Amino acid sequence: MFDAVAANKTKSVFLVLLVVGVLVGVGYVFGRMTDLGYYAPLLALGFALLGVIGSYYYSDQIVLAMSHARPIEHADNPHLYNTVEGLAIAAQLPMPRVYVVDDPAPNAFATGRNPEHAALAVTAGLLQKLDNQEIEGVIGHEMSHIKDYDVLFMSLVAVLVGMIALLADWMLRYMWWGGSYRRRDSRDSGGGAGLFVLLGLVLAILAPLVASLIQLAVSRRREYLADSEGAVLTRYPEGLASALEKIAADPEPLHSANKATAHMFIYNPLIEHGGWLNTLFSTHPPIEERVRRLRAM
């Protein structure tokens, strides 16, 4: 299990570096097609950095507001509060703020830029439909997300992928309206500019798709990692395994989720069952595989 955790961390870092490589590559080709030259990849990274800084400070407030989460104290739900507090102590983390989402579908998520500014939210349906050990397993999973800075990590990836899509759109617009690459082509006796135009067209079409698939792969890796670390934290993998089965089987739709926040929940509330294409573009690994790994621990 510890080998799997280490492998997940290594692969996640590699995938993020791959996204950065795609961004720089698209920026370089865009610069060669225009008069920006080598400034294009630097500008792309600069805009990405600004996006990361914005999400760093405000993503938790936005997500909690969009989910209609309300804060609770110890007196509101002593068992939930004590469970979160106990697992925070076990994980050697500060006590996160605790929220409840008044939604009948069982689910949960964590947010916050670091453990000192973290928040953990569970739905009313999760508290009603899961037993104590299953709730503890879910909270252990979310506590692992907090410990591993997963919200910040995924915000970084999302901003990088967004910049790749934006650059690709700019490239297509240049080709559609006619840009400085045409003037460059007339000055380039070797026909190099024409090659970059062709490469730019290919990248403009494929780069956003490739970047999105990498983003989804990173997200799935982080879910496996949080499952493993959460099971170690609670010392009871079956609790989380049983909780995942119940959450996935529950027919109640999660009304407080949308496409912007669905990837943050322990189980994607917008998933449609069946089909390899759905699995390919899912932010979460298949529940069956997650349960299998937990029960193999």
C-alpha atoms as a PDB file:
ATOM      1  CA  MET A   1       0.000   0.000   0.000  1.00  0.00           C
ATOM      2  CA  PHE A   2       2.817   2.405   0.870  1.00  0.00           C
ATOM      3  CA  ASP A   3       4.468   1.583  -2.464  1.00  0.00           C
ATOM      4  CA  ALA A   4       1.199   2.500  -4.191  1.00  0.00           C
ATOM      5  CA  VAL A   5       1.018   5.795  -2.274  1.00  0.00           C
ATOM      6  CA  ALA A   6       4.590   6.676  -3.276  1.00  0.00           C
ATOM      7  CA  ALA A   7       3.909   5.739  -6.902  1.00  0.00           C
ATOM      8  CA  ASN A   8       0.756   7.889  -6.965  1.00  0.00           C
ATOM      9  CA  LYS A   9       2.686  10.924  -5.692  1.00  0.00           C
ATOM     10  CA  THR A  10       5.438  10.452  -8.269  1.00  0.00           C
ATOM     11  CA  LYS A  11       2.994  10.009 -11.135  1.00  0.00           C
ATOM     12  CA  SER A  12       0.968  13.056 -10.057  1.00  0.00           C
ATOM     13  CA  VAL A  13       4.071  15.274 -10.105  1.00  0.00           C
ATOM     14  CA  PHE A  14       5.076  13.851 -13.494  1.00  0.00           C
ATOM     15  CA  LEU A  15       1.622  14.571 -14.931  1.00  0.00           C
ATOM     16  CA  VAL A  16       1.710  18.175 -13.687  1.00  0.00           C
ATOM     17  CA  LEU A  17       5.145  18.662 -15.278  1.00  0.00           C
ATOM     18  CA  LEU A  18       3.690  17.214 -18.466  1.00  0.00           C
ATOM     19  CA  VAL A  19       0.893  19.824 -18.403  1.00  0.00           C
ATOM     20  CA  VAL A  20       3.517  22.562 -17.912  1.00  0.00           C
ATOM     21  CA  GLY A  21       5.457  21.126 -20.850  1.00  0.00           C
ATOM     22  CA  VAL A  22       2.363  21.204 -23.071  1.00  0.00           C
ATOM     23  CA  LEU A  23       1.678  24.816 -22.046  1.00  0.00           C
ATOM     24  CA  VAL A  24       5.240  25.927 -22.810  1.00  0.00           C
ATOM     25  CA  GLY A  25       5.194  24.003 -26.099  1.00  0.00           C
ATOM     26  CA  VAL A  26       1.931  25.584 -27.236  1.00  0.00           C
ATOM     27  CA  GLY A  27       3.233  29.000 -26.162  1.00  0.00           C
ATOM     28  CA  TYR A  28       6.458  28.505 -28.108  1.00  0.00           C
ATOM     29  CA  VAL A  29       4.628  27.540 -31.312  1.00  0.00           C
ATOM     30  CA  PHE A  30       2.222  30.457 -30.871  1.00  0.00           C
ATOM     31  CA  GLY A  31       5.184  32.790 -30.454  1.00  0.00           C
ATOM     32  CA  ARG A  32       6.812  31.520 -33.644  1.00  0.00           C
ATOM     33  CA  MET A  33       3.557  32.086 -35.522  1.00  0.00           C
ATOM     34  CA  THR A  34       3.297  35.676 -34.284  1.00  0.00           C
ATOM     35  CA  ASP A  35       5.614  38.573 -33.449  1.00  0.00           C
ATOM     36  CA  LEU A  36       5.667  37.580 -29.757  1.00  0.00           C
ATOM     37  CA  GLY A  37       8.531  35.136 -30.287  1.00  0.00           C
ATOM     38  CA  TYR A  38       9.928  33.652 -27.102  1.00  0.00           C
ATOM     39  CA  TYR A  39       7.804  35.972 -24.958  1.00  0.00           C
ATOM     40  CA  ALA A  40       4.668  33.896 -25.651  1.00  0.00           C
ATOM     41  CA  PRO A  41       5.470  30.923 -23.352  1.00  0.00           C
ATOM     42  CA  LEU A  42       6.651  33.332 -20.631  1.00  0.00           C
ATOM     43  CA  LEU A  43       3.429  35.322 -20.894  1.00  0.00           C
ATOM     44  CA  ALA A  44       1.403  32.104 -20.752  1.00  0.00           C
ATOM     45  CA  LEU A  45       3.164  31.021 -17.570  1.00  0.00           C
ATOM     46  CA  GLY A  46       2.709  34.511 -16.121  1.00  0.00           C
ATOM     47  CA  PHE A  47      -1.055  34.485 -16.697  1.00  0.00           C
ATOM     48  CA  ALA A  48      -1.238  30.962 -15.286  1.00  0.00           C
ATOM     49  CA  LEU A  49       0.579  32.139 -12.154  1.00  0.00           C
ATOM     50  CA  LEU A  50      -1.914  34.981 -11.690  1.00  0.00           C
ATOM     51  CA  GLY A  51      -4.765  32.486 -11.996  1.00  0.00           C
ATOM     52  CA  VAL A  52      -3.187  30.212  -9.398  1.00  0.00           C
ATOM     53  CA  ILE A  53      -2.775  33.120  -6.971  1.00  0.00           C
ATOM     54  CA  GLY A  54      -6.440  34.075  -7.381  1.00  0.00           C
ATOM     55  CA  SER A  55      -7.658  30.516  -6.817  1.00  0.00           C
ATOM     56  CA  TYR A  56      -5.219  30.159  -3.888  1.00  0.00           C
ATOM     57  CA  TYR A  57      -6.934  32.876  -1.873  1.00  0.00           C
ATOM     58  CA  TYR A  58     -10.585  32.626  -2.898  1.00  0.00           C
ATOM     59  CA  SER A  59     -11.380  29.091  -4.139  1.00  0.00           C
ATOM     60  CA  ASP A  60     -12.624  27.815  -0.754  1.00  0.00           C
ATOM     61  CA  GLN A  61     -15.057  30.721  -0.258  1.00  0.00           C
ATOM     62  CA  ILE A  62     -16.410  30.313  -3.781  1.00  0.00           C
ATOM     63  CA  VAL A  63     -16.893  26.535  -3.498  1.00  0.00           C
ATOM     64  CA  LEU A  64     -18.612  26.724  -0.100  1.00  0.00           C
ATOM     65  CA  ALA A  65     -20.950  29.480  -1.322  1.00  0.00           C
ATOM     66  CA  MET A  66     -21.808  27.603  -4.532  1.00  0.00           C
ATOM     67  CA  SER A  67     -22.575  24.461  -2.498  1.00  0.00           C
ATOM     68  CA  HIS A  68     -24.790  26.351  -0.010  1.00  0.00           C
ATOM     69  CA  ALA A  69     -22.728  24.949   2.863  1.00  0.00           C
ATOM     70  CA  ARG A  70     -23.450  26.243   6.371  1.00  0.00           C
ATOM     71  CA  PRO A  71     -20.860  26.204   9.174  1.00  0.00           C
ATOM     72  CA  ILE A  72     -21.534  24.202  12.312  1.00  0.00           C
ATOM     73  CA  GLU A  73     -20.047  24.142  15.802  1.00  0.00           C
ATOM     74  CA  HIS A  74     -19.703  21.343  18.348  1.00  0.00           C
ATOM     75  CA  ALA A  75     -23.171  21.928  19.807  1.00  0.00           C
ATOM     76  CA  ASP A  76     -24.827  21.547  16.392  1.00  0.00           C
ATOM     77  CA  ASN A  77     -23.564  17.993  15.766  1.00  0.00           C
ATOM     78  CA  PRO A  78     -21.236  16.719  18.523  1.00  0.00           C
ATOM     79  CA  HIS A  79     -20.538  13.344  16.874  1.00  0.00           C
ATOM     80  CA  LEU A  80     -19.544  14.821  13.527  1.00  0.00           C
ATOM     81  CA  TYR A  81     -17.464  17.537  15.152  1.00  0.00           C
ATOM     82  CA  ASN A  82     -15.685  15.059  17.439  1.00  0.00           C
ATOM     83  CA  THR A  83     -14.981  12.717  14.506  1.00  0.00           C
ATOM     84  CA  VAL A  84     -13.401  15.516  12.474  1.00  0.00           C
ATOM     85  CA  GLU A  85     -11.434  16.735  15.482  1.00  0.00           C
ATOM     86  CA  GLY A  86     -10.167  13.251  16.338  1.00  0.00           C
ATOM     87  CA  LEU A  87      -8.997  12.515  12.786  1.00  0.00           C
ATOM     88  CA  ALA A  88      -7.371  15.945  12.557  1.00  0.00           C
ATOM     89  CA  ILE A  89      -5.377  15.124  15.683  1.00  0.00           C
ATOM     90  CA  ALA A  90      -4.458  11.695  14.276  1.00  0.00           C
ATOM     91  CA  ALA A  91      -3.302  13.318  11.020  1.00  0.00           C
ATOM     92  CA  GLN A  92      -1.426  16.016  12.973  1.00  0.00           C
ATOM     93  CA  LEU A  93      -3.420  18.745  11.266  1.00  0.00           C
ATOM     94  CA  PRO A  94      -5.200  21.851  12.577  1.00  0.00           C
ATOM     95  CA  MET A  95      -8.923  21.425  13.108  1.00  0.00           C
ATOM     96  CA  PRO A  96     -10.642  22.349   9.815  1.00  0.00           C
ATOM     97  CA  ARG A  97     -13.851  24.337   9.723  1.00  0.00           C
ATOM     98  CA  VAL A  98     -16.834  21.985   9.540  1.00  0.00           C
ATOM     99  CA  TYR A  99     -19.792  22.576   7.219  1.00  0.00           C
ATOM    100  CA  VAL A 100     -23.026  20.777   6.413  1.00  0.00           C
ATOM    101  CA  VAL A 101     -24.773  20.949   3.055  1.00  0.00           C
ATOM    102  CA  ASP A 102     -28.539  20.508   3.386  1.00  0.00           C
ATOM    103  CA  ASP A 103     -28.859  17.988   0.585  1.00  0.00           C
ATOM    104  CA  PRO A 104     -30.370  14.469   0.861  1.00  0.00           C
ATOM    105  CA  ALA A 105     -27.710  12.848  -1.374  1.00  0.00           C
ATOM    106  CA  PRO A 106     -24.741  11.383   0.555  1.00  0.00           C
ATOM    107  CA  ASN A 107     -21.455  13.079  -0.358  1.00  0.00           C
ATOM    108  CA  ALA A 108     -18.598  15.176   1.039  1.00  0.00           C
ATOM    109  CA  PHE A 109     -15.721  17.417  -0.010  1.00  0.00           C
ATOM    110  CA  ALA A 110     -12.762  19.342   1.402  1.00  0.00           C
ATOM    111  CA  THR A 111     -11.467  22.731   0.348  1.00  0.00           C
ATOM    112  CA  GLY A 112      -8.934  25.341   1.440  1.00  0.00           C
ATOM    113  CA  ARG A 113      -5.514  26.462   0.259  1.00  0.00           C
ATOM    114  CA  ASN A 114      -3.629  24.775   3.113  1.00  0.00           C
ATOM    115  CA  PRO A 115      -4.320  22.880   6.359  1.00  0.00           C
ATOM    116  CA  GLU A 116      -4.461  26.145   8.319  1.00  0.00           C
ATOM    117  CA  HIS A 117      -7.307  27.449   6.121  1.00  0.00           C
ATOM    118  CA  ALA A 118      -9.125  24.186   5.394  1.00  0.00           C
ATOM    119  CA  ALA A 119     -12.825  23.401   5.457  1.00  0.00           C
ATOM    120  CA  LEU A 120     -14.591  20.045   5.367  1.00  0.00           C
ATOM    121  CA  ALA A 121     -18.211  19.724   4.264  1.00  0.00           C
ATOM    122  CA  VAL A 122     -20.582  16.765   4.397  1.00  0.00           C
ATOM    123  CA  THR A 123     -24.156  16.535   3.191  1.00  0.00           C
ATOM    124  CA  ALA A 124     -27.127  15.904   5.443  1.00  0.00           C
ATOM    125  CA  GLY A 125     -27.770  12.757   3.411  1.00  0.00           C
ATOM    126  CA  LEU A 126     -24.341  11.379   4.308  1.00  0.00           C
ATOM    127  CA  LEU A 127     -25.038  11.849   8.026  1.00  0.00           C
ATOM    128  CA  GLN A 128     -28.427  10.174   7.709  1.00  0.00           C
ATOM    129  CA  LYS A 129     -27.584   7.220   5.447  1.00  0.00           C
ATOM    130  CA  LEU A 130     -24.111   6.117   6.584  1.00  0.00           C
ATOM    131  CA  ASP A 131     -23.135   4.534   9.896  1.00  0.00           C
ATOM    132  CA  ASN A 132     -20.427   5.928  12.175  1.00  0.00           C
ATOM    133  CA  GLN A 133     -17.555   3.860  10.742  1.00  0.00           C
ATOM    134  CA  GLU A 134     -18.519   4.785   7.181  1.00  0.00           C
ATOM    135  CA  ILE A 135     -18.710   8.492   8.065  1.00  0.00           C
ATOM    136  CA  GLU A 136     -15.294   8.208   9.702  1.00  0.00           C
ATOM    137  CA  GLY A 137     -13.928   6.612   6.520  1.00  0.00           C
ATOM    138  CA  VAL A 138     -15.258   9.475   4.379  1.00  0.00           C
ATOM    139  CA  ILE A 139     -13.829  12.106   6.716  1.00  0.00           C
ATOM    140  CA  GLY A 140     -10.484  10.295   6.729  1.00  0.00           C
ATOM    141  CA  HIS A 141     -10.460  10.484   2.926  1.00  0.00           C
ATOM    142  CA  GLU A 142     -11.194  14.219   2.964  1.00  0.00           C
ATOM    143  CA  MET A 143      -8.623  14.815   5.700  1.00  0.00           C
ATOM    144  CA  SER A 144      -6.026  13.219   3.423  1.00  0.00           C
ATOM    145  CA  HIS A 145      -6.947  15.694   0.678  1.00  0.00           C
ATOM    146  CA  ILE A 146      -6.279  18.500   3.158  1.00  0.00           C
ATOM    147  CA  LYS A 147      -2.979  17.000   4.288  1.00  0.00           C
ATOM    148  CA  ASP A 148      -1.741  16.553   0.706  1.00  0.00           C
ATOM    149  CA  TYR A 149      -2.735  20.087  -0.408  1.00  0.00           C
ATOM    150  CA  ASP A 150      -4.911  18.513  -3.101  1.00  0.00           C
ATOM    151  CA  VAL A 151      -7.207  21.529  -3.520  1.00  0.00           C
ATOM    152  CA  LEU A 152      -4.225  23.773  -4.255  1.00  0.00           C
ATOM    153  CA  PHE A 153      -2.669  21.062  -6.415  1.00  0.00           C
ATOM    154  CA  MET A 154      -5.785  20.620  -8.554  1.00  0.00           C
ATOM    155  CA  SER A 155      -6.314  24.382  -8.794  1.00  0.00           C
ATOM    156  CA  LEU A 156      -2.822  24.664 -10.267  1.00  0.00           C
ATOM    157  CA  VAL A 157      -3.583  21.973 -12.839  1.00  0.00           C
ATOM    158  CA  ALA A 158      -6.965  23.508 -13.712  1.00  0.00           C
ATOM    159  CA  VAL A 159      -5.405  26.933 -14.341  1.00  0.00           C
ATOM    160  CA  LEU A 160      -2.643  25.443 -16.504  1.00  0.00           C
ATOM    161  CA  VAL A 161      -5.173  23.477 -18.548  1.00  0.00           C
ATOM    162  CA  GLY A 162      -7.301  26.604 -18.909  1.00  0.00           C
ATOM    163  CA  MET A 163      -4.297  28.538 -20.228  1.00  0.00           C
ATOM    164  CA  ILE A 164      -3.614  25.802 -22.780  1.00  0.00           C
ATOM    165  CA  ALA A 165      -7.208  26.005 -24.005  1.00  0.00           C
ATOM    166  CA  LEU A 166      -6.968  29.807 -24.192  1.00  0.00           C
ATOM    167  CA  LEU A 167      -3.718  29.707 -26.181  1.00  0.00           C
ATOM    168  CA  ALA A 168      -5.179  27.105 -28.529  1.00  0.00           C
ATOM    169  CA  ASP A 169      -8.188  29.358 -29.117  1.00  0.00           C
ATOM    170  CA  TRP A 170      -5.896  32.317 -29.878  1.00  0.00           C
ATOM    171  CA  MET A 171      -3.973  30.198 -32.379  1.00  0.00           C
ATOM    172  CA  LEU A 172      -7.133  29.194 -34.202  1.00  0.00           C
ATOM    173  CA  ARG A 173      -8.279  32.801 -34.337  1.00  0.00           C
ATOM    174  CA  TYR A 174      -4.934  33.853 -35.804  1.00  0.00           C
ATOM    175  CA  MET A 175      -5.273  31.242 -38.500  1.00  0.00           C
ATOM    176  CA  TRP A 176      -8.874  32.160 -39.207  1.00  0.00           C
ATOM    177  CA  TRP A 177      -8.347  35.919 -39.484  1.00  0.00           C
ATOM    178  CA  GLY A 178      -4.816  35.804 -40.868  1.00  0.00           C
ATOM    179  CA  GLY A 179      -1.936  36.906 -38.684  1.00  0.00           C
ATOM    180  CA  SER A 180       1.676  37.877 -38.763  1.00  0.00           C
ATOM    181  CA  TYR A 181       2.676  34.298 -39.635  1.00  0.00           C
ATOM    182  CA  ARG A 182       1.818  35.102 -43.254  1.00  0.00           C
ATOM    183  CA  ARG A 183       4.324  37.942 -43.299  1.00  0.00           C
ATOM    184  CA  ARG A 184       6.850  35.720 -41.574  1.00  0.00           C
ATOM    185  CA  ASP A 185       6.350  33.033 -44.183  1.00  0.00           C
ATOM    186  CA  SER A 186       7.292  35.435 -46.966  1.00  0.00           C
ATOM    187  CA  ARG A 187      10.505  36.346 -45.155  1.00  0.00           C
ATOM    188  CA  ASP A 188      11.426  32.791 -44.212  1.00  0.00           C
ATOM    189  CA  SER A 189      13.265  31.304 -47.175  1.00  0.00           C
ATOM    190  CA  GLY A 190      13.357  27.893 -45.542  1.00  0.00           C
ATOM    191  CA  GLY A 191       9.604  27.704 -45.202  1.00  0.00           C
ATOM    192  CA  GLY A 192       9.980  27.338 -41.446  1.00  0.00           C
ATOM    193  CA  ALA A 193       7.004  29.539 -40.670  1.00  0.00           C
ATOM    194  CA  GLY A 194       4.747  27.310 -42.756  1.00  0.00           C
ATOM    195  CA  LEU A 195       5.853  24.336 -40.695  1.00  0.00           C
ATOM    196  CA  PHE A 196       4.979  26.169 -37.489  1.00  0.00           C
ATOM    197  CA  VAL A 197       1.576  27.086 -38.888  1.00  0.00           C
ATOM    198  CA  LEU A 198       0.865  23.414 -39.575  1.00  0.00           C
ATOM    199  CA  LEU A 199       2.175  22.429 -36.128  1.00  0.00           C
ATOM    200  CA  GLY A 200       0.097  25.208 -34.586  1.00  0.00           C
ATOM    201  CA  LEU A 201      -3.049  23.922 -36.236  1.00  0.00           C
ATOM    202  CA  VAL A 202      -2.439  20.416 -34.880  1.00  0.00           C
ATOM    203  CA  LEU A 203      -1.676  21.719 -31.378  1.00  0.00           C
ATOM    204  CA  ALA A 204      -4.678  24.052 -31.375  1.00  0.00           C
ATOM    205  CA  ILE A 205      -6.937  21.063 -31.969  1.00  0.00           C
ATOM    206  CA  LEU A 206      -5.241  18.381 -29.876  1.00  0.00           C
ATOM    207  CA  ALA A 207      -3.527  20.257 -27.004  1.00  0.00           C
ATOM    208  CA  PRO A 208      -6.713  21.152 -25.053  1.00  0.00           C
ATOM    209  CA  LEU A 209      -7.957  17.558 -25.301  1.00  0.00           C
ATOM    210  CA  VAL A 210      -4.600  16.109 -24.214  1.00  0.00           C
ATOM    211  CA  ALA A 211      -4.321  18.614 -21.357  1.00  0.00           C
ATOM    212  CA  SER A 212      -7.836  17.796 -20.148  1.00  0.00           C
ATOM    213  CA  LEU A 213      -7.090  14.066 -20.167  1.00  0.00           C
ATOM    214  CA  ILE A 214      -3.918  14.716 -18.144  1.00  0.00           C
ATOM    215  CA  GLN A 215      -5.955  16.798 -15.693  1.00  0.00           C
ATOM    216  CA  LEU A 216      -8.421  13.946 -15.257  1.00  0.00           C
ATOM    217  CA  ALA A 217      -5.555  11.477 -14.758  1.00  0.00           C
ATOM    218  CA  VAL A 218      -4.081  13.712 -12.035  1.00  0.00           C
ATOM    219  CA  SER A 219      -7.482  13.933 -10.331  1.00  0.00           C
ATOM    220  CA  ARG A 220      -7.938  10.157 -10.371  1.00  0.00           C
ATOM    221  CA  ARG A 221      -4.445   9.633  -8.936  1.00  0.00           C
ATOM    222  CA  ARG A 222      -5.225  11.995  -6.072  1.00  0.00           C
ATOM    223  CA  GLU A 223      -8.452  10.105  -5.307  1.00  0.00           C
ATOM    224  CA  TYR A 224      -6.618   6.773  -5.077  1.00  0.00           C
ATOM    225  CA  LEU A 225      -4.038   8.419  -2.849  1.00  0.00           C
ATOM    226  CA  ALA A 226      -6.668   9.931  -0.541  1.00  0.00           C
ATOM    227  CA  ASP A 227      -8.440   6.547  -0.310  1.00  0.00           C
ATOM    228  CA  SER A 228      -5.228   4.840   0.771  1.00  0.00           C
ATOM    229  CA  GLU A 229      -4.138   7.493   3.231  1.00  0.00           C
ATOM    230  CA  GLY A 230      -7.653   7.838   4.639  1.00  0.00           C
ATOM    231  CA  ALA A 231      -7.800   4.094   5.303  1.00  0.00           C
ATOM    232  CA  VAL A 232      -4.436   4.258   7.082  1.00  0.00           C
ATOM    233  CA  LEU A 233      -5.667   7.200   9.145  1.00  0.00           C
ATOM    234  CA  THR A 234      -8.805   5.386  10.347  1.00  0.00           C
ATOM    235  CA  ARG A 235      -7.109   1.952  10.487  1.00  0.00           C
ATOM    236  CA  TYR A 236     -10.276   0.518   8.927  1.00  0.00           C
ATOM    237  CA  PRO A 237     -10.373   0.338   5.096  1.00  0.00           C
ATOM    238  CA  GLU A 238     -13.776  -1.391   5.105  1.00  0.00           C
ATOM    239  CA  GLY A 239     -15.433   1.726   6.509  1.00  0.00           C
ATOM    240  CA  LEU A 240     -14.507   3.805   3.450  1.00  0.00           C
ATOM    241  CA  ALA A 241     -15.129   0.913   1.042  1.00  0.00           C
ATOM    242  CA  SER A 242     -18.655   0.404   2.378  1.00  0.00           C
ATOM    243  CA  ALA A 243     -19.280   4.168   2.348  1.00  0.00           C
ATOM    244  CA  LEU A 244     -18.262   4.445  -1.322  1.00  0.00           C
ATOM    245  CA  GLU A 245     -20.617   1.612  -2.261  1.00  0.00           C
ATOM    246  CA  LYS A 246     -23.536   3.262  -0.468  1.00  0.00           C
ATOM    247  CA  ILE A 247     -22.799   6.700  -1.929  1.00  0.00           C
ATOM    248  CA  ALA A 248     -22.526   5.328  -5.474  1.00  0.00           C
ATOM    249  CA  ALA A 249     -25.714   3.265  -5.135  1.00  0.00           C
ATOM    250  CA  ASP A 250     -27.823   6.083  -3.699  1.00  0.00           C
ATOM    251  CA  PRO A 251     -30.401   7.256  -6.301  1.00  0.00           C
ATOM    252  CA  GLU A 252     -30.823  10.743  -4.835  1.00  0.00           C
ATOM    253  CA  PRO A 253     -29.277  13.469  -7.078  1.00  0.00           C
ATOM    254  CA  LEU A 254     -26.954  15.996  -5.436  1.00  0.00           C
ATOM    255  CA  HIS A 255     -28.728  19.298  -6.146  1.00  0.00           C
ATOM    256  CA  SER A 256     -25.973  21.486  -4.683  1.00  0.00           C
ATOM    257  CA  ALA A 257     -23.320  20.289  -7.166  1.00  0.00           C
ATOM    258  CA  ASN A 258     -22.488  21.571 -10.636  1.00  0.00           C
ATOM    259  CA  LYS A 259     -19.772  21.040 -13.237  1.00  0.00           C
ATOM    260  CA  ALA A 260     -17.479  23.545 -11.516  1.00  0.00           C
ATOM    261  CA  THR A 261     -17.559  21.781  -8.129  1.00  0.00           C
ATOM    262  CA  ALA A 262     -18.362  18.131  -8.976  1.00  0.00           C
ATOM    263  CA  HIS A 263     -14.701  17.070  -9.108  1.00  0.00           C
ATOM    264  CA  MET A 264     -14.199  18.085  -5.456  1.00  0.00           C
ATOM    265  CA  PHE A 265     -16.681  15.603  -3.980  1.00  0.00           C
ATOM    266  CA  ILE A 266     -15.604  12.152  -2.803  1.00  0.00           C
ATOM    267  CA  TYR A 267     -17.879  10.732  -5.502  1.00  0.00           C
ATOM    268  CA  ASN A 268     -18.633  12.598  -8.716  1.00  0.00           C
ATOM    269  CA  PRO A 269     -22.349  13.476  -8.333  1.00  0.00           C
ATOM    270  CA  LEU A 270     -22.786  14.157 -12.062  1.00  0.00           C
ATOM    271  CA  ILE A 271     -21.425  10.832 -13.287  1.00  0.00           C
ATOM    272  CA  GLU A 272     -23.467   8.728 -15.684  1.00  0.00           C
ATOM    273  CA  HIS A 273     -22.979   5.029 -15.257  1.00  0.00           C
ATOM    274  CA  GLY A 274     -21.643   2.816 -18.028  1.00  0.00           C
ATOM    275  CA  GLY A 275     -19.416   3.194 -21.056  1.00  0.00           C
ATOM    276  CA  TRP A 276     -15.669   3.385 -21.517  1.00  0.00           C
ATOM    277  CA  LEU A 277     -15.923   6.988 -22.750  1.00  0.00           C
ATOM    278  CA  ASN A 278     -17.490   8.041 -19.455  1.00  0.00           C
ATOM    279  CA  THR A 279     -14.641   6.382 -17.549  1.00  0.00           C
ATOM    280  CA  LEU A 280     -12.062   8.115 -19.755  1.00  0.00           C
ATOM    281  CA  PHE A 281     -13.480  11.591 -19.062  1.00  0.00           C
ATOM    282  CA  SER A 282     -14.354  11.062 -15.381  1.00  0.00           C
ATOM    283  CA  THR A 283     -12.618  13.041 -12.641  1.00  0.00           C
ATOM    284  CA  HIS A 284     -12.865  10.011 -10.329  1.00  0.00           C
ATOM    285  CA  PRO A 285     -11.710   6.401 -10.696  1.00  0.00           C
ATOM    286  CA  PRO A 286     -14.419   3.717 -10.980  1.00  0.00           C
ATOM    287  CA  ILE A 287     -15.987   2.982  -7.613  1.00  0.00           C
ATOM    288  CA  GLU A 288     -15.483  -0.754  -8.165  1.00  0.00           C
ATOM    289  CA  GLU A 289     -11.717  -0.290  -8.514  1.00  0.00           C
ATOM    290  CA  ARG A 290     -11.509   2.006  -5.503  1.00  0.00           C
ATOM    291  CA  VAL A 291     -13.398  -0.513  -3.374  1.00  0.00           C
ATOM    292  CA  ARG A 292     -11.277  -3.382  -4.674  1.00  0.00           C
ATOM    293  CA  ARG A 293      -8.061  -1.590  -3.707  1.00  0.00           C
ATOM    294  CA  LEU A 294      -9.365  -0.704  -0.258  1.00  0.00           C
ATOM    295  CA  ARG A 295     -10.420  -4.282   0.476  1.00  0.00           C
ATOM    296  CA  ALA A 296      -7.047  -5.554  -0.729  1.00  0.00           C
ATOM    297  CA  MET A 297      -5.266  -3.509   1.965  1.00  0.00           C
END
